[in-house]
Amino acid sequence: MRHSLLNAGALLPMLWSAALLGAEQADIPKVTIRSDSLPFITAALRAEAESAGLAFAKANEHIVFFTKAVGRQSIRGRLVPITLEVTFHLENAKPGTRIVPTEELVADLGPGIDERRHPNPKDRAAIYMEILSRTKAKVERAATDSLPSQSPSDTQ
């Protein structure tokens, strides 16, 4: 079962109000994939995150960055757009690559001015875990499928 990352409408005021500056990201799940093929990991992660409702923004050898417009909120008397920014950090690990997601809610207050808050990571931990689990399964399955298979005559 695939989940939408955020059904924004009614949740936005509560989500923005509950978000804390500098909140801990410790409760967001992490996963280690037994592969160091960053292009393949990035492609698999992109496919899974997009299926969960995130829009791909950019990627490099360290991060894969996504956004999602979650609505508008009244801040200091002005109605401003709120965007959820999700960054999947790619870290070297034994054996392979660890993926750690972080998130921020961003209020666009005008040209060059924004307000950032860290929402409670527990709110979407299950969704991130699903994205990470599906990415890991896809990458590791492809790695297993690409190994040369041995025929019975090869083992004798």
C-alpha atoms as a PDB file:
ATOM      1  CA  MET A   1       0.000   0.000   0.000  1.00  0.00           C
ATOM      2  CA  ARG A   2       1.412   3.359  -1.012  1.00  0.00           C
ATOM      3  CA  HIS A   3       0.776   6.451   1.066  1.00  0.00           C
ATOM      4  CA  SER A   4       0.502  10.048  -0.016  1.00  0.00           C
ATOM      5  CA  LEU A   5       3.108  12.048   1.848  1.00  0.00           C
ATOM      6  CA  LEU A   6       0.767  14.714   3.090  1.00  0.00           C
ATOM      7  CA  ASN A   7      -2.905  15.470   2.665  1.00  0.00           C
ATOM      8  CA  ALA A   8      -2.367  19.158   3.223  1.00  0.00           C
ATOM      9  CA  GLY A   9      -5.763  20.858   3.343  1.00  0.00           C
ATOM     10  CA  ALA A  10      -6.997  20.602   6.926  1.00  0.00           C
ATOM     11  CA  LEU A  11      -3.654  19.542   8.422  1.00  0.00           C
ATOM     12  CA  LEU A  12      -1.578  22.571   7.419  1.00  0.00           C
ATOM     13  CA  PRO A  13      -2.476  24.986  10.266  1.00  0.00           C
ATOM     14  CA  MET A  14      -1.876  22.244  12.833  1.00  0.00           C
ATOM     15  CA  LEU A  15       1.335  21.102  11.102  1.00  0.00           C
ATOM     16  CA  TRP A  16       2.771  24.637  10.861  1.00  0.00           C
ATOM     17  CA  SER A  17       1.801  25.539  14.436  1.00  0.00           C
ATOM     18  CA  ALA A  18       3.251  22.321  15.865  1.00  0.00           C
ATOM     19  CA  ALA A  19       6.531  22.604  13.955  1.00  0.00           C
ATOM     20  CA  LEU A  20       9.426  23.666  16.131  1.00  0.00           C
ATOM     21  CA  LEU A  21      12.589  25.465  15.164  1.00  0.00           C
ATOM     22  CA  GLY A  22      15.526  23.100  15.564  1.00  0.00           C
ATOM     23  CA  ALA A  23      13.455  20.002  16.383  1.00  0.00           C
ATOM     24  CA  GLU A  24      15.291  16.688  16.502  1.00  0.00           C
ATOM     25  CA  GLN A  25      15.426  14.543  13.374  1.00  0.00           C
ATOM     26  CA  ALA A  26      16.355  11.452  15.410  1.00  0.00           C
ATOM     27  CA  ASP A  27      12.974   9.787  14.961  1.00  0.00           C
ATOM     28  CA  ILE A  28      13.164   9.732  11.168  1.00  0.00           C
ATOM     29  CA  PRO A  29      14.057   6.244   9.896  1.00  0.00           C
ATOM     30  CA  LYS A  30      17.357   5.419   8.242  1.00  0.00           C
ATOM     31  CA  VAL A  31      18.318   2.517   6.011  1.00  0.00           C
ATOM     32  CA  THR A  32      21.592   1.043   4.765  1.00  0.00           C
ATOM     33  CA  ILE A  33      21.626  -0.387   1.251  1.00  0.00           C
ATOM     34  CA  ARG A  34      24.270  -2.909   0.266  1.00  0.00           C
ATOM     35  CA  SER A  35      25.270  -0.962  -2.828  1.00  0.00           C
ATOM     36  CA  ASP A  36      27.458   1.996  -3.616  1.00  0.00           C
ATOM     37  CA  SER A  37      25.940   2.646  -7.058  1.00  0.00           C
ATOM     38  CA  LEU A  38      24.738   6.186  -6.366  1.00  0.00           C
ATOM     39  CA  PRO A  39      23.116   6.711  -9.785  1.00  0.00           C
ATOM     40  CA  PHE A  40      21.011   3.572  -9.355  1.00  0.00           C
ATOM     41  CA  ILE A  41      20.165   4.392  -5.729  1.00  0.00           C
ATOM     42  CA  THR A  42      19.162   7.928  -6.764  1.00  0.00           C
ATOM     43  CA  ALA A  43      16.935   6.637  -9.578  1.00  0.00           C
ATOM     44  CA  ALA A  44      15.215   4.086  -7.300  1.00  0.00           C
ATOM     45  CA  LEU A  45      14.752   6.653  -4.525  1.00  0.00           C
ATOM     46  CA  ARG A  46      13.364   9.175  -6.990  1.00  0.00           C
ATOM     47  CA  ALA A  47      10.798   6.680  -8.313  1.00  0.00           C
ATOM     48  CA  GLU A  48       9.616   5.709  -4.820  1.00  0.00           C
ATOM     49  CA  ALA A  49       9.488   9.288  -3.473  1.00  0.00           C
ATOM     50  CA  GLU A  50       7.591  10.537  -6.516  1.00  0.00           C
ATOM     51  CA  SER A  51       5.052   7.726  -6.094  1.00  0.00           C
ATOM     52  CA  ALA A  52       4.528   9.013  -2.527  1.00  0.00           C
ATOM     53  CA  GLY A  53       3.686  12.497  -3.809  1.00  0.00           C
ATOM     54  CA  LEU A  54       7.035  14.301  -3.664  1.00  0.00           C
ATOM     55  CA  ALA A  55       8.354  16.349  -6.587  1.00  0.00           C
ATOM     56  CA  PHE A  56      11.997  15.776  -7.519  1.00  0.00           C
ATOM     57  CA  ALA A  57      14.056  18.982  -7.319  1.00  0.00           C
ATOM     58  CA  LYS A  58      17.741  18.031  -7.600  1.00  0.00           C
ATOM     59  CA  ALA A  59      20.359  15.435  -6.762  1.00  0.00           C
ATOM     60  CA  ASN A  60      24.110  15.094  -6.456  1.00  0.00           C
ATOM     61  CA  GLU A  61      26.489  12.550  -4.917  1.00  0.00           C
ATOM     62  CA  HIS A  62      25.451  13.574  -1.380  1.00  0.00           C
ATOM     63  CA  ILE A  63      21.717  14.333  -1.486  1.00  0.00           C
ATOM     64  CA  VAL A  64      18.459  13.735  -3.319  1.00  0.00           C
ATOM     65  CA  PHE A  65      16.131  16.699  -2.768  1.00  0.00           C
ATOM     66  CA  PHE A  66      12.323  16.780  -3.109  1.00  0.00           C
ATOM     67  CA  THR A  67       9.575  19.326  -2.464  1.00  0.00           C
ATOM     68  CA  LYS A  68       5.821  19.299  -1.993  1.00  0.00           C
ATOM     69  CA  ALA A  69       3.541  22.329  -1.882  1.00  0.00           C
ATOM     70  CA  VAL A  70       1.348  21.786   1.162  1.00  0.00           C
ATOM     71  CA  GLY A  71      -0.861  24.869   1.078  1.00  0.00           C
ATOM     72  CA  ARG A  72      -1.051  28.403   2.397  1.00  0.00           C
ATOM     73  CA  GLN A  73      -0.881  29.677   5.969  1.00  0.00           C
ATOM     74  CA  SER A  74      -1.479  33.053   7.571  1.00  0.00           C
ATOM     75  CA  ILE A  75       1.815  34.293   9.016  1.00  0.00           C
ATOM     76  CA  ARG A  76       2.129  37.813  10.421  1.00  0.00           C
ATOM     77  CA  GLY A  77      -1.155  38.749   8.801  1.00  0.00           C
ATOM     78  CA  ARG A  78      -0.187  37.537   5.307  1.00  0.00           C
ATOM     79  CA  LEU A  79      -1.295  34.386   3.523  1.00  0.00           C
ATOM     80  CA  VAL A  80       1.951  32.709   2.372  1.00  0.00           C
ATOM     81  CA  PRO A  81       2.701  29.452   0.545  1.00  0.00           C
ATOM     82  CA  ILE A  82       4.125  26.588   2.602  1.00  0.00           C
ATOM     83  CA  THR A  83       6.395  23.953   1.057  1.00  0.00           C
ATOM     84  CA  LEU A  84       7.634  20.704   2.576  1.00  0.00           C
ATOM     85  CA  GLU A  85      11.289  20.134   1.643  1.00  0.00           C
ATOM     86  CA  VAL A  86      12.598  16.591   2.063  1.00  0.00           C
ATOM     87  CA  THR A  87      16.295  15.831   1.670  1.00  0.00           C
ATOM     88  CA  PHE A  88      17.551  12.261   1.505  1.00  0.00           C
ATOM     89  CA  HIS A  89      21.228  12.333   2.556  1.00  0.00           C
ATOM     90  CA  LEU A  90      23.444   9.648   0.987  1.00  0.00           C
ATOM     91  CA  GLU A  91      26.269   8.615   3.316  1.00  0.00           C
ATOM     92  CA  ASN A  92      29.066   6.076   2.931  1.00  0.00           C
ATOM     93  CA  ALA A  93      28.488   3.133   5.246  1.00  0.00           C
ATOM     94  CA  LYS A  94      29.748  -0.386   5.718  1.00  0.00           C
ATOM     95  CA  PRO A  95      28.693  -2.185   3.579  1.00  0.00           C
ATOM     96  CA  GLY A  96      27.186   0.269   1.127  1.00  0.00           C
ATOM     97  CA  THR A  97      25.200   3.490   1.395  1.00  0.00           C
ATOM     98  CA  ARG A  98      23.094   4.813   4.273  1.00  0.00           C
ATOM     99  CA  ILE A  99      20.102   7.007   3.418  1.00  0.00           C
ATOM    100  CA  VAL A 100      18.886   9.467   6.045  1.00  0.00           C
ATOM    101  CA  PRO A 101      15.890  11.716   5.327  1.00  0.00           C
ATOM    102  CA  THR A 102      15.417  15.162   6.866  1.00  0.00           C
ATOM    103  CA  GLU A 103      12.550  17.578   6.358  1.00  0.00           C
ATOM    104  CA  GLU A 104      11.675  21.244   6.740  1.00  0.00           C
ATOM    105  CA  LEU A 105       8.520  23.260   6.294  1.00  0.00           C
ATOM    106  CA  VAL A 106       9.318  26.475   4.444  1.00  0.00           C
ATOM    107  CA  ALA A 107       7.101  29.571   4.421  1.00  0.00           C
ATOM    108  CA  ASP A 108       7.889  31.863   1.490  1.00  0.00           C
ATOM    109  CA  LEU A 109       7.621  35.348   3.013  1.00  0.00           C
ATOM    110  CA  GLY A 110       8.842  37.203  -0.059  1.00  0.00           C
ATOM    111  CA  PRO A 111      11.842  37.480  -2.364  1.00  0.00           C
ATOM    112  CA  GLY A 112      14.814  35.985  -0.545  1.00  0.00           C
ATOM    113  CA  ILE A 113      12.961  35.710   2.773  1.00  0.00           C
ATOM    114  CA  ASP A 114      11.654  32.491   4.195  1.00  0.00           C
ATOM    115  CA  GLU A 115      10.843  30.983   7.559  1.00  0.00           C
ATOM    116  CA  ARG A 116      11.864  27.383   8.186  1.00  0.00           C
ATOM    117  CA  ARG A 117      10.507  24.948  10.737  1.00  0.00           C
ATOM    118  CA  HIS A 118      11.249  21.337  11.473  1.00  0.00           C
ATOM    119  CA  PRO A 119       8.009  19.381  11.788  1.00  0.00           C
ATOM    120  CA  ASN A 120       7.715  16.472  14.188  1.00  0.00           C
ATOM    121  CA  PRO A 121       9.450  13.633  12.314  1.00  0.00           C
ATOM    122  CA  LYS A 122       7.201  11.035  13.928  1.00  0.00           C
ATOM    123  CA  ASP A 123       4.277  12.354  11.858  1.00  0.00           C
ATOM    124  CA  ARG A 124       5.638  10.908   8.619  1.00  0.00           C
ATOM    125  CA  ALA A 125       8.146   8.293   9.838  1.00  0.00           C
ATOM    126  CA  ALA A 126       6.058   5.388   8.510  1.00  0.00           C
ATOM    127  CA  ILE A 127       5.857   7.009   5.073  1.00  0.00           C
ATOM    128  CA  TYR A 128       9.618   7.614   4.937  1.00  0.00           C
ATOM    129  CA  MET A 129      10.255   4.059   6.119  1.00  0.00           C
ATOM    130  CA  GLU A 130       8.065   2.759   3.299  1.00  0.00           C
ATOM    131  CA  ILE A 131       9.950   4.864   0.723  1.00  0.00           C
ATOM    132  CA  LEU A 132      13.295   3.688   2.106  1.00  0.00           C
ATOM    133  CA  SER A 133      12.249   0.023   2.325  1.00  0.00           C
ATOM    134  CA  ARG A 134      10.965  -0.003  -1.254  1.00  0.00           C
ATOM    135  CA  THR A 135      14.139   1.732  -2.466  1.00  0.00           C
ATOM    136  CA  LYS A 136      16.346  -0.765  -0.631  1.00  0.00           C
ATOM    137  CA  ALA A 137      14.401  -3.740  -1.993  1.00  0.00           C
ATOM    138  CA  LYS A 138      14.552  -2.380  -5.557  1.00  0.00           C
ATOM    139  CA  VAL A 139      18.302  -1.682  -5.437  1.00  0.00           C
ATOM    140  CA  GLU A 140      19.263  -4.945  -3.734  1.00  0.00           C
ATOM    141  CA  ARG A 141      16.969  -6.996  -6.000  1.00  0.00           C
ATOM    142  CA  ALA A 142      18.573  -5.410  -9.082  1.00  0.00           C
ATOM    143  CA  ALA A 143      22.058  -6.105  -7.679  1.00  0.00           C
ATOM    144  CA  THR A 144      21.127  -9.761  -7.091  1.00  0.00           C
ATOM    145  CA  ASP A 145      19.570 -10.072 -10.562  1.00  0.00           C
ATOM    146  CA  SER A 146      22.714  -8.684 -12.182  1.00  0.00           C
ATOM    147  CA  LEU A 147      24.979 -11.334 -10.631  1.00  0.00           C
ATOM    148  CA  PRO A 148      25.961 -14.064 -13.102  1.00  0.00           C
ATOM    149  CA  SER A 149      23.899 -17.152 -12.420  1.00  0.00           C
ATOM    150  CA  GLN A 150      25.555 -20.529 -12.208  1.00  0.00           C
ATOM    151  CA  SER A 151      24.197 -23.406 -14.177  1.00  0.00           C
ATOM    152  CA  PRO A 152      24.352 -26.901 -12.645  1.00  0.00           C
ATOM    153  CA  SER A 153      27.232 -27.804 -14.972  1.00  0.00           C
ATOM    154  CA  ASP A 154      29.275 -24.834 -13.659  1.00  0.00           C
ATOM    155  CA  THR A 155      29.248 -26.170 -10.105  1.00  0.00           C
ATOM    156  CA  GLN A 156      30.658 -29.609 -10.923  1.00  0.00           C
END
